[in-house]
């Protein structure tokens, strides 16, 4: 869990240096936690009384979040031998949806992993695809359909790079040019509406094998006009996918296939649009939707067609590792930022509405949205991803089974193999490496929690205020020991101590 920090100046054991003081994360004091704690039990009870079923993974997500970082459910105790100081760190919920702490941990872990161990020194470009409202409804219900849609979209963009990156002269000398991408699924929009869309980080070029071995060929010139054929092809490919799965009939009208009768929405809110707009509302906004049947340019590398929106205006050089890390952090972020939430009437938080400040103002001047606490929590419930649905996926040369992967990815601490030159005649397939691929990606290097904090925000939670190194003394989960430790350290409890439900809920921190 990522902490709050205050800068401090301390004298260490052997030298004088500046450190940041680690402060324990206190989710119970945030607006998000308080709102969920008030509204979710009432929602769950009302649904049960009326005989409506809430999916188990949605119930589990809220149940775990209400225990995330709360010391009453147990904690890890750190001890300093130099000054006898103690520090308590709560356990995390490992949520995948709206938990800010666990979302930040997963976001930073993913960005560090991709930049350090996966992405080579090669240019990157982000492709963002948004879908029409009817398609969003289908994707939210059917995860198998979502997988087919992702494969179709990435296949079209990969074909664009493989067909238009190399010149005719280069294409005659380079065999089997291959694209690669890391794709992220985001289920939320800026207003917390259920909006499944794709953030695809593609190599802005291809890898090819020629007489000088395997190397990267950057795309020569990227233009908005060059994206027209890509969006046309995406529309045709998706139409075929929906038609094959029965969502679109032969006459082009939308339908419902028989196999979706037993598939329900993950969570159906009572008031799907229960919010009010705040801001400098424009009486006559100077924006109108263009004809959906015509390809339209909304801006630089931003086009629309048939209510599909494709944006590819963000490009990063391969040498800019910090820029790549920021891009991956943005694509892997969670749905809610606590800093953008506030009470409309702070003096009465139990009855106050919740205001969500938008990152960017809408075209009609809306700057923030106001929800009732119940409607806000129902919005969060709609954004919980289905179980066993991967939100990060690898394609092309980054796929685990690709024979060139171990020649391309940095491999972190492992030494990358060199790919020999390809001497086969034109039209031949590239030979596999001397060691055949196992079809599995290399094991992901797990970054311990203290090391991740040191990398991202420059805080070392294992350093005491006296400058000495703290040690992990114990992981306390018994109610009696929890009560005793909190009373001895003078830490206020939020209620009676509760036992952990399983050891699987222990935090990532120290592999307890």
Protein backbone atom coordinates (compact mmCIF):
# COMPACT_ATOMS: atom_id res chain seq x y z
CA UNK A 1 0.00 0.00 0.00
CA UNK A 2 1.36 3.40 -0.95
CA UNK A 3 1.74 5.73 2.05
CA UNK A 4 1.51 9.40 2.78
CA UNK A 5 4.93 10.93 3.30
CA UNK A 6 6.42 13.94 5.05
CA UNK A 7 9.94 15.09 4.41
CA UNK A 8 12.30 14.94 7.37
CA UNK A 9 15.97 15.37 8.25
CA UNK A 10 17.60 12.80 10.47
CA UNK A 11 21.07 11.68 11.50
CA UNK A 12 21.81 8.10 10.50
CA UNK A 13 24.07 5.60 12.19
CA UNK A 14 27.11 6.43 10.10
CA UNK A 15 26.24 9.49 8.04
CA UNK A 16 23.83 12.39 7.81
CA UNK A 17 21.18 12.14 5.09
CA UNK A 18 17.68 13.16 4.13
CA UNK A 19 14.86 10.63 4.31
CA UNK A 20 11.10 10.68 3.95
CA UNK A 21 9.09 9.61 6.97
CA UNK A 22 6.79 6.68 6.26
CA UNK A 23 3.24 7.18 7.48
CA UNK A 24 0.85 4.28 7.73
CA UNK A 25 -1.94 4.34 5.19
CA UNK A 26 -5.27 5.10 6.90
CA UNK A 27 -8.08 4.26 4.46
CA UNK A 28 -10.77 4.66 7.14
CA UNK A 29 -10.23 8.43 6.98
CA UNK A 30 -10.82 8.70 3.21
CA UNK A 31 -14.12 9.69 1.63
CA UNK A 32 -14.14 6.58 -0.54
CA UNK A 33 -13.87 4.17 2.38
CA UNK A 34 -16.43 6.02 4.50
CA UNK A 35 -18.93 6.14 1.63
CA UNK A 36 -18.56 2.43 0.90
CA UNK A 37 -18.85 1.56 4.60
CA UNK A 38 -22.12 3.51 4.86
CA UNK A 39 -23.85 2.55 1.62
CA UNK A 40 -22.76 -0.96 0.66
CA UNK A 41 -24.29 -2.86 3.64
CA UNK A 42 -27.64 -1.19 2.94
CA UNK A 43 -27.44 -2.01 -0.79
CA UNK A 44 -26.52 -5.64 -0.09
CA UNK A 45 -29.38 -6.00 2.41
CA UNK A 46 -31.98 -4.43 0.11
CA UNK A 47 -31.00 -6.65 -2.80
CA UNK A 48 -31.21 -9.73 -0.57
CA UNK A 49 -34.67 -8.74 0.78
CA UNK A 50 -36.02 -8.21 -2.74
CA UNK A 51 -34.55 -11.52 -3.98
CA UNK A 52 -32.02 -9.95 -6.34
CA UNK A 53 -28.65 -11.64 -6.57
CA UNK A 54 -25.36 -9.78 -6.40
CA UNK A 55 -22.50 -11.72 -8.03
CA UNK A 56 -20.13 -13.31 -5.56
CA UNK A 57 -17.04 -11.60 -6.97
CA UNK A 58 -18.69 -8.19 -6.50
CA UNK A 59 -19.59 -9.01 -2.89
CA UNK A 60 -16.06 -10.28 -2.29
CA UNK A 61 -14.48 -7.13 -3.77
CA UNK A 62 -16.39 -4.85 -1.37
CA UNK A 63 -15.88 -7.19 1.56
CA UNK A 64 -12.12 -7.27 1.06
CA UNK A 65 -11.89 -3.53 0.47
CA UNK A 66 -13.52 -2.77 3.84
CA UNK A 67 -10.68 -4.72 5.52
CA UNK A 68 -7.86 -3.26 3.40
CA UNK A 69 -5.28 -1.53 5.61
CA UNK A 70 -7.49 -1.70 8.73
CA UNK A 71 -5.34 -2.71 11.71
CA UNK A 72 -8.27 -4.41 13.44
CA UNK A 73 -7.92 -7.24 10.92
CA UNK A 74 -4.23 -7.79 11.61
CA UNK A 75 -0.91 -6.29 10.64
CA UNK A 76 2.82 -6.80 10.21
CA UNK A 77 4.95 -5.48 13.07
CA UNK A 78 8.34 -3.95 12.31
CA UNK A 79 10.87 -3.44 15.11
CA UNK A 80 14.01 -1.30 15.39
CA UNK A 81 16.77 -2.76 17.58
CA UNK A 82 18.57 0.57 17.81
CA UNK A 83 15.80 2.64 19.43
CA UNK A 84 13.11 0.01 20.23
CA UNK A 85 10.64 1.77 17.91
CA UNK A 86 7.72 -0.19 16.41
CA UNK A 87 5.82 0.28 13.18
CA UNK A 88 2.56 -1.40 12.11
CA UNK A 89 1.61 -2.07 8.49
CA UNK A 90 -1.88 -3.37 7.65
CA UNK A 91 -2.75 -6.08 5.16
CA UNK A 92 -4.06 -5.32 1.67
CA UNK A 93 -7.17 -6.54 -0.12
CA UNK A 94 -5.48 -7.13 -3.51
CA UNK A 95 -8.56 -5.68 -5.22
CA UNK A 96 -8.59 -5.20 -9.00
CA UNK A 97 -11.25 -2.53 -9.28
CA UNK A 98 -11.52 0.64 -7.18
CA UNK A 99 -9.16 0.20 -4.21
CA UNK A 100 -6.71 3.15 -4.55
CA UNK A 101 -3.96 1.53 -2.51
CA UNK A 102 -3.94 -1.87 -4.20
CA UNK A 103 -4.57 -0.26 -7.59
CA UNK A 104 -1.51 1.96 -7.16
CA UNK A 105 0.56 -1.03 -6.09
CA UNK A 106 -0.51 -3.07 -9.13
CA UNK A 107 -0.08 -0.08 -11.46
CA UNK A 108 3.47 0.65 -10.33
CA UNK A 109 4.40 -3.04 -10.30
CA UNK A 110 3.15 -3.44 -13.88
CA UNK A 111 4.97 -0.34 -15.14
CA UNK A 112 8.26 -1.32 -13.48
CA UNK A 113 7.97 -4.85 -14.82
CA UNK A 114 7.19 -3.82 -18.40
CA UNK A 115 9.86 -1.13 -18.67
CA UNK A 116 12.56 -3.18 -16.95
CA UNK A 117 11.90 -6.72 -18.15
CA UNK A 118 9.66 -6.63 -21.24
CA UNK A 119 9.81 -3.52 -23.42
CA UNK A 120 13.00 -3.23 -25.52
CA UNK A 121 14.63 0.03 -26.63
CA UNK A 122 12.03 0.56 -29.34
CA UNK A 123 9.44 3.25 -30.09
CA UNK A 124 5.95 2.87 -28.62
CA UNK A 125 2.55 4.24 -29.63
CA UNK A 126 -0.71 4.07 -27.70
CA UNK A 127 -3.88 3.10 -29.59
CA UNK A 128 -7.15 3.72 -27.71
CA UNK A 129 -10.37 2.22 -29.06
CA UNK A 130 -13.80 3.09 -27.66
CA UNK A 131 -16.98 1.23 -28.60
CA UNK A 132 -20.65 2.23 -29.17
CA UNK A 133 -23.03 1.92 -26.24
CA UNK A 134 -24.69 -1.26 -27.47
CA UNK A 135 -21.30 -2.94 -27.94
CA UNK A 136 -20.25 -1.90 -24.42
CA UNK A 137 -23.30 -3.72 -23.08
CA UNK A 138 -22.38 -6.88 -24.99
CA UNK A 139 -18.76 -6.76 -23.87
CA UNK A 140 -19.76 -6.28 -20.24
CA UNK A 141 -21.85 -9.43 -20.33
CA UNK A 142 -19.76 -11.80 -22.42
CA UNK A 143 -16.05 -12.14 -21.60
CA UNK A 144 -15.51 -14.65 -24.41
CA UNK A 145 -16.82 -12.06 -26.88
CA UNK A 146 -14.46 -9.48 -25.34
CA UNK A 147 -11.52 -11.80 -25.95
CA UNK A 148 -12.48 -12.26 -29.61
CA UNK A 149 -12.88 -8.49 -30.02
CA UNK A 150 -9.43 -7.83 -28.53
CA UNK A 151 -7.83 -10.40 -30.83
CA UNK A 152 -9.55 -8.92 -33.88
CA UNK A 153 -8.56 -5.33 -33.07
CA UNK A 154 -4.93 -6.10 -32.28
CA UNK A 155 -4.72 -8.24 -35.41
CA UNK A 156 -5.84 -5.34 -37.61
CA UNK A 157 -3.34 -2.90 -36.08
CA UNK A 158 -0.56 -5.50 -36.28
CA UNK A 159 -1.30 -5.99 -40.00
CA UNK A 160 -1.07 -2.22 -40.48
CA UNK A 161 2.44 -2.16 -39.04
CA UNK A 162 3.61 -5.30 -40.80
CA UNK A 163 2.35 -4.12 -44.22
CA UNK A 164 3.27 -0.44 -44.14
CA UNK A 165 6.45 -0.13 -42.07
CA UNK A 166 9.02 -1.52 -44.51
CA UNK A 167 9.70 -0.14 -47.96
CA UNK A 168 9.59 -2.42 -51.01
CA UNK A 169 13.38 -2.68 -50.99
CA UNK A 170 13.52 -3.52 -47.29
CA UNK A 171 10.62 -5.98 -47.56
CA UNK A 172 12.61 -8.02 -50.08
CA UNK A 173 15.50 -8.36 -47.60
CA UNK A 174 13.63 -8.75 -44.31
CA UNK A 175 11.69 -11.90 -43.59
CA UNK A 176 8.60 -12.26 -41.42
CA UNK A 177 8.24 -8.73 -39.99
CA UNK A 178 6.33 -9.00 -36.72
CA UNK A 179 4.54 -6.41 -34.58
CA UNK A 180 4.04 -6.54 -30.83
CA UNK A 181 1.76 -4.98 -28.23
CA UNK A 182 0.76 -4.94 -24.59
CA UNK A 183 -2.99 -4.40 -24.27
CA UNK A 184 -4.85 -3.07 -21.21
CA UNK A 185 -8.59 -3.36 -20.59
CA UNK A 186 -10.25 -0.44 -18.81
CA UNK A 187 -13.86 -0.89 -17.77
CA UNK A 188 -14.50 2.66 -16.56
CA UNK A 189 -14.97 6.13 -17.97
CA UNK A 190 -14.26 9.53 -16.44
CA UNK A 191 -17.77 9.68 -14.94
CA UNK A 192 -17.46 6.14 -13.49
CA UNK A 193 -19.84 4.87 -16.15
CA UNK A 194 -19.33 1.31 -17.34
CA UNK A 195 -17.30 1.89 -20.50
CA UNK A 196 -15.16 -1.08 -21.60
CA UNK A 197 -12.40 0.15 -23.91
CA UNK A 198 -8.88 -0.80 -24.93
CA UNK A 199 -5.53 0.87 -24.34
CA UNK A 200 -3.05 -0.90 -26.63
CA UNK A 201 0.66 0.01 -26.40
CA UNK A 202 2.11 -1.09 -29.76
CA UNK A 203 5.66 -1.15 -31.00
CA UNK A 204 5.71 1.80 -33.40
CA UNK A 205 7.27 -0.39 -36.04
CA UNK A 206 8.15 -4.06 -36.51
CA UNK A 207 10.88 -6.51 -35.70
CA UNK A 208 12.34 -8.26 -38.71
CA UNK A 209 15.12 -10.71 -39.44
CA UNK A 210 17.60 -10.03 -42.21
CA UNK A 211 21.23 -10.55 -43.10
CA UNK A 212 22.34 -8.49 -40.09
CA UNK A 213 20.19 -10.45 -37.63
CA UNK A 214 17.07 -9.44 -35.78
CA UNK A 215 16.46 -5.71 -35.34
CA UNK A 216 13.71 -3.13 -34.97
CA UNK A 217 12.43 -1.14 -37.97
CA UNK A 218 10.53 2.00 -36.87
CA UNK A 219 7.44 3.11 -38.75
CA UNK A 220 8.60 5.84 -41.18
CA UNK A 221 5.76 8.39 -41.00
CA UNK A 222 2.56 8.20 -38.99
CA UNK A 223 -0.38 10.34 -40.15
CA UNK A 224 -4.05 10.69 -39.33
CA UNK A 225 -5.00 9.74 -42.88
CA UNK A 226 -3.10 6.48 -42.50
CA UNK A 227 -5.49 5.47 -39.71
CA UNK A 228 -8.56 5.55 -41.96
CA UNK A 229 -7.98 2.09 -43.42
CA UNK A 230 -7.27 0.75 -39.91
CA UNK A 231 -10.64 1.91 -38.54
CA UNK A 232 -12.48 0.66 -41.64
CA UNK A 233 -10.84 -2.75 -41.17
CA UNK A 234 -11.64 -2.78 -37.43
CA UNK A 235 -15.30 -2.09 -38.17
CA UNK A 236 -15.48 -4.87 -40.77
CA UNK A 237 -13.65 -7.35 -38.52
CA UNK A 238 -15.83 -6.58 -35.50
CA UNK A 239 -18.98 -6.84 -37.61
CA UNK A 240 -17.89 -10.33 -38.62
CA UNK A 241 -17.21 -11.27 -34.99
CA UNK A 242 -20.61 -10.03 -33.80
CA UNK A 243 -22.36 -11.74 -36.71
CA UNK A 244 -20.58 -15.03 -36.04
CA UNK A 245 -21.55 -14.95 -32.36
CA UNK A 246 -25.17 -14.02 -33.12
CA UNK A 247 -25.15 -10.44 -31.82
CA UNK A 248 -25.80 -9.03 -35.32
CA UNK A 249 -28.20 -10.64 -37.77
CA UNK A 250 -27.55 -11.01 -41.49
CA UNK A 251 -29.69 -7.93 -42.20
CA UNK A 252 -27.39 -5.83 -40.01
CA UNK A 253 -29.82 -5.41 -37.10
CA UNK A 254 -28.68 -6.06 -33.52
CA UNK A 255 -29.91 -9.21 -31.82
CA UNK A 256 -29.35 -11.39 -28.78
CA UNK A 257 -27.82 -14.84 -29.26
CA UNK A 258 -29.36 -17.80 -27.47
CA UNK A 259 -26.27 -18.55 -25.39
CA UNK A 260 -26.53 -15.18 -23.56
CA UNK A 261 -29.85 -16.03 -21.92
CA UNK A 262 -27.99 -17.47 -18.94
CA UNK A 263 -25.43 -14.62 -18.87
CA UNK A 264 -26.46 -11.65 -16.76
CA UNK A 265 -24.82 -8.30 -16.16
CA UNK A 266 -22.24 -8.40 -13.33
CA UNK A 267 -24.24 -5.78 -11.40
CA UNK A 268 -27.32 -3.84 -12.45
CA UNK A 269 -27.69 -0.49 -10.62
CA UNK A 270 -31.07 0.94 -9.74
CA UNK A 271 -30.20 4.39 -11.12
CA UNK A 272 -27.58 4.07 -13.89
CA UNK A 273 -27.39 7.88 -14.45
CA UNK A 274 -27.99 9.20 -10.94
CA UNK A 275 -25.74 12.24 -11.00
CA UNK A 276 -25.93 16.01 -11.39
CA UNK A 277 -23.55 18.11 -13.41
CA UNK A 278 -21.68 21.03 -11.92
CA UNK A 279 -19.61 23.64 -13.68
CA UNK A 280 -19.90 26.41 -16.24
CA UNK A 281 -22.61 24.75 -18.33
CA UNK A 282 -22.82 26.04 -21.88
CA UNK A 283 -26.24 26.90 -23.29
CA UNK A 284 -25.10 26.32 -26.85
CA UNK A 285 -22.09 24.01 -26.90
CA UNK A 286 -20.15 24.32 -30.14
CA UNK A 287 -19.91 20.58 -30.54
CA UNK A 288 -22.18 18.30 -32.51
CA UNK A 289 -21.84 14.64 -33.30
CA UNK A 290 -20.80 14.12 -36.89
CA UNK A 291 -22.52 11.73 -39.25
CA UNK A 292 -21.63 8.25 -37.91
CA UNK A 293 -21.63 6.80 -41.44
CA UNK A 294 -18.84 9.17 -42.50
CA UNK A 295 -15.22 8.98 -41.35
CA UNK A 296 -14.53 12.14 -39.32
CA UNK A 297 -11.38 13.65 -37.83
CA UNK A 298 -11.79 14.83 -34.25
CA UNK A 299 -8.17 15.93 -33.89
CA UNK A 300 -4.60 14.82 -34.40
CA UNK A 301 -4.66 11.02 -34.86
CA UNK A 302 -8.22 10.93 -33.49
CA UNK A 303 -10.95 9.64 -35.81
CA UNK A 304 -14.53 8.36 -35.59
CA UNK A 305 -16.58 6.00 -37.70
CA UNK A 306 -19.83 4.14 -36.96
CA UNK A 307 -19.61 5.34 -33.32
CA UNK A 308 -16.18 3.73 -33.00
CA UNK A 309 -13.47 6.11 -31.76
CA UNK A 310 -9.78 5.45 -32.43
CA UNK A 311 -6.99 7.60 -31.02
CA UNK A 312 -3.27 7.07 -31.61
CA UNK A 313 -1.71 10.46 -30.93
CA UNK A 314 0.58 9.45 -28.03
CA UNK A 315 4.01 8.21 -29.12
CA UNK A 316 7.11 7.61 -26.96
CA UNK A 317 10.69 7.10 -28.06
CA UNK A 318 12.29 3.87 -26.92
CA UNK A 319 15.10 5.74 -25.16
CA UNK A 320 12.60 7.67 -23.03
CA UNK A 321 12.15 5.05 -20.31
CA UNK A 322 10.52 7.50 -17.90
CA UNK A 323 7.97 8.43 -20.56
CA UNK A 324 7.25 4.75 -21.19
CA UNK A 325 6.78 4.17 -17.47
CA UNK A 326 4.28 7.04 -17.24
CA UNK A 327 2.39 5.66 -20.23
CA UNK A 328 2.13 2.18 -18.71
CA UNK A 329 1.09 3.65 -15.37
CA UNK A 330 -1.70 5.57 -17.09
CA UNK A 331 -2.96 2.50 -18.96
CA UNK A 332 -2.85 0.27 -15.85
CA UNK A 333 -4.47 2.72 -13.40
CA UNK A 334 -7.51 1.93 -11.26
CA UNK A 335 -10.91 3.55 -11.61
CA UNK A 336 -11.04 5.99 -8.67
CA UNK A 337 -8.64 8.70 -7.49
CA UNK A 338 -9.31 9.65 -3.87
CA UNK A 339 -7.94 13.15 -4.43
CA UNK A 340 -10.83 13.92 -6.82
CA UNK A 341 -13.58 13.06 -4.31
CA UNK A 342 -15.14 15.47 -1.83
CA UNK A 343 -18.32 15.93 0.21
CA UNK A 344 -20.82 18.51 -1.01
CA UNK A 345 -21.64 19.33 2.63
CA UNK A 346 -18.56 18.37 4.69
CA UNK A 347 -20.24 19.35 7.96
CA UNK A 348 -22.73 16.46 7.56
CA UNK A 349 -20.84 13.59 5.86
CA UNK A 350 -23.46 10.95 6.75
CA UNK A 351 -26.10 12.62 4.57
CA UNK A 352 -23.91 14.52 2.14
CA UNK A 353 -23.67 13.79 -1.58
CA UNK A 354 -20.31 12.90 -3.11
CA UNK A 355 -18.72 15.18 -5.70
CA UNK A 356 -16.36 13.72 -8.31
CA UNK A 357 -14.07 16.25 -9.96
CA UNK A 358 -13.41 15.42 -13.60
CA UNK A 359 -9.85 15.29 -14.83
CA UNK A 360 -10.84 17.36 -17.90
CA UNK A 361 -13.94 19.44 -18.35
CA UNK A 362 -16.53 18.08 -20.76
CA UNK A 363 -17.39 19.87 -23.98
CA UNK A 364 -20.56 21.28 -22.42
CA UNK A 365 -18.56 22.86 -19.58
CA UNK A 366 -19.23 20.21 -16.90
CA UNK A 367 -16.38 20.23 -14.38
CA UNK A 368 -17.65 17.77 -11.77
CA UNK A 369 -20.45 15.29 -11.06
CA UNK A 370 -22.51 14.94 -7.89
CA UNK A 371 -23.79 11.52 -6.76
CA UNK A 372 -25.80 10.34 -3.83
CA UNK A 373 -23.73 7.99 -1.72
CA UNK A 374 -25.84 5.01 -2.77
CA UNK A 375 -25.61 5.85 -6.49
CA UNK A 376 -21.84 6.37 -6.17
CA UNK A 377 -21.30 2.94 -4.62
CA UNK A 378 -23.54 1.32 -7.23
CA UNK A 379 -21.32 2.89 -9.89
CA UNK A 380 -18.29 1.25 -8.27
CA UNK A 381 -20.05 -2.12 -8.16
CA UNK A 382 -20.55 -2.01 -11.94
CA UNK A 383 -16.80 -1.58 -12.48
CA UNK A 384 -15.64 -4.77 -10.73
CA UNK A 385 -13.96 -6.95 -13.41
CA UNK A 386 -15.17 -10.52 -13.89
CA UNK A 387 -13.14 -13.26 -12.19
CA UNK A 388 -10.39 -14.92 -14.23
CA UNK A 389 -10.51 -12.13 -16.81
CA UNK A 390 -7.03 -10.84 -17.63
CA UNK A 391 -6.84 -7.05 -17.75
CA UNK A 392 -3.32 -7.08 -19.28
CA UNK A 393 -2.51 -9.14 -22.36
CA UNK A 394 0.51 -9.61 -24.64
CA UNK A 395 0.46 -9.93 -28.43
CA UNK A 396 2.90 -10.56 -31.24
CA UNK A 397 6.57 -10.68 -30.32
CA UNK A 398 5.68 -10.13 -26.65
CA UNK A 399 3.50 -13.24 -26.50
CA UNK A 400 4.93 -16.03 -24.36
CA UNK A 401 4.99 -18.57 -27.20
CA UNK A 402 6.63 -16.34 -29.83
CA UNK A 403 10.00 -17.76 -30.89
CA UNK A 404 11.63 -14.32 -30.99
CA UNK A 405 10.52 -13.18 -27.55
CA UNK A 406 13.66 -14.19 -25.66
CA UNK A 407 15.79 -12.37 -28.28
CA UNK A 408 13.82 -9.12 -27.92
CA UNK A 409 12.73 -8.52 -24.32
CA UNK A 410 15.38 -7.17 -21.91
CA UNK A 411 14.84 -10.13 -19.52
CA UNK A 412 15.67 -8.00 -16.50
CA UNK A 413 18.64 -9.49 -14.68
CA UNK A 414 18.95 -12.35 -17.15
CA UNK A 415 21.25 -12.09 -20.14
CA UNK A 416 19.41 -11.68 -23.43
CA UNK A 417 20.31 -14.11 -26.20
CA UNK A 418 21.47 -12.88 -29.60
CA UNK A 419 19.54 -13.95 -32.65
CA UNK A 420 21.74 -15.23 -35.55
CA UNK A 421 21.35 -13.90 -39.08
CA UNK A 422 18.68 -15.44 -41.25
CA UNK A 423 20.09 -17.04 -44.42
CA UNK A 424 16.98 -18.68 -45.80
CA UNK A 425 15.74 -17.64 -49.26
CA UNK A 426 12.93 -15.09 -49.54
CA UNK A 427 9.55 -16.47 -48.52
CA UNK A 428 10.98 -18.91 -46.00
CA UNK A 429 9.84 -18.99 -42.39
CA UNK A 430 12.27 -17.93 -39.67
CA UNK A 431 13.91 -20.92 -38.01
CA UNK A 432 13.25 -21.43 -34.30
CA UNK A 433 16.01 -20.73 -31.79
CA UNK A 434 18.39 -23.49 -30.80
CA UNK A 435 16.34 -24.05 -27.66
CA UNK A 436 12.66 -24.52 -28.59
CA UNK A 437 10.15 -22.28 -26.86
CA UNK A 438 8.26 -23.81 -23.94
CA UNK A 439 5.19 -21.73 -24.68
CA UNK A 440 5.46 -20.01 -21.31
CA UNK A 441 6.64 -16.50 -20.51
CA UNK A 442 9.60 -16.09 -18.13
CA UNK A 443 8.53 -15.90 -14.50
CA UNK A 444 7.49 -12.40 -13.52
CA UNK A 445 9.92 -10.80 -11.11
CA UNK A 446 7.90 -9.82 -8.10
CA UNK A 447 9.01 -6.49 -6.65
CA UNK A 448 8.79 -6.48 -2.83
CA UNK A 449 6.66 -3.72 -1.35
CA UNK A 450 9.52 -1.77 0.35
CA UNK A 451 11.61 -1.87 -2.83
CA UNK A 452 8.67 -0.67 -4.92
CA UNK A 453 8.19 2.32 -2.60
CA UNK A 454 11.87 3.15 -2.89
CA UNK A 455 11.68 3.07 -6.70
CA UNK A 456 8.47 5.04 -7.13
CA UNK A 457 8.27 7.71 -4.40
CA UNK A 458 11.64 7.47 -2.67
CA UNK A 459 10.34 6.17 0.67
CA UNK A 460 11.90 3.26 2.56
CA UNK A 461 9.38 1.85 5.07
CA UNK A 462 12.08 -0.33 6.61
CA UNK A 463 14.15 2.68 7.74
CA UNK A 464 13.42 3.90 11.26
CA UNK A 465 13.30 7.59 12.21
CA UNK A 466 16.68 7.06 13.88
CA UNK A 467 18.17 5.89 10.57
CA UNK A 468 18.57 2.23 11.50
CA UNK A 469 17.19 -0.70 9.53
CA UNK A 470 13.96 -2.15 10.93
CA UNK A 471 13.24 -5.88 10.89
CA UNK A 472 9.99 -7.80 10.48
CA UNK A 473 9.20 -9.02 13.97
CA UNK A 474 5.85 -10.74 13.53
CA UNK A 475 2.60 -10.96 11.58
CA UNK A 476 -0.20 -10.54 14.10
CA UNK A 477 -3.66 -11.86 13.22
CA UNK A 478 -5.11 -13.07 16.58
CA UNK A 479 -7.74 -10.71 18.06
CA UNK A 480 -6.18 -10.80 21.54
CA UNK A 481 -2.72 -9.81 20.29
CA UNK A 482 -4.23 -7.15 18.00
CA UNK A 483 -6.01 -5.51 20.94
CA UNK A 484 -2.93 -5.68 23.15
CA UNK A 485 -0.58 -4.21 20.53
CA UNK A 486 -2.88 -1.35 19.53
CA UNK A 487 -3.48 -0.42 23.18
CA UNK A 488 0.24 -0.52 23.99
CA UNK A 489 1.10 1.78 21.06
CA UNK A 490 -1.85 4.10 21.71
CA UNK A 491 -3.43 3.56 18.28
CA UNK A 492 -7.16 4.19 18.09
CA UNK A 493 -9.18 1.19 17.02
CA UNK A 494 -12.08 1.45 14.56
CA UNK A 495 -14.01 -1.30 16.37
CA UNK A 496 -13.62 -4.68 18.01
CA UNK A 497 -10.75 -6.76 16.57
CA UNK A 498 -11.67 -9.26 13.90
CA UNK A 499 -9.85 -12.40 12.88
CA UNK A 500 -8.53 -12.76 9.35
CA UNK A 501 -10.67 -15.00 7.20
CA UNK A 502 -7.71 -16.66 5.51
CA UNK A 503 -3.95 -16.34 5.35
CA UNK A 504 -4.35 -15.54 1.66
CA UNK A 505 -5.39 -12.03 2.67
CA UNK A 506 -1.93 -11.22 4.01
CA UNK A 507 -0.27 -8.30 2.30
CA UNK A 508 2.21 -8.46 -0.55
CA UNK A 509 4.73 -6.80 1.71
CA UNK A 510 6.89 -9.51 3.17
CA UNK A 511 5.48 -12.80 1.86
CA UNK A 512 4.16 -13.60 5.31
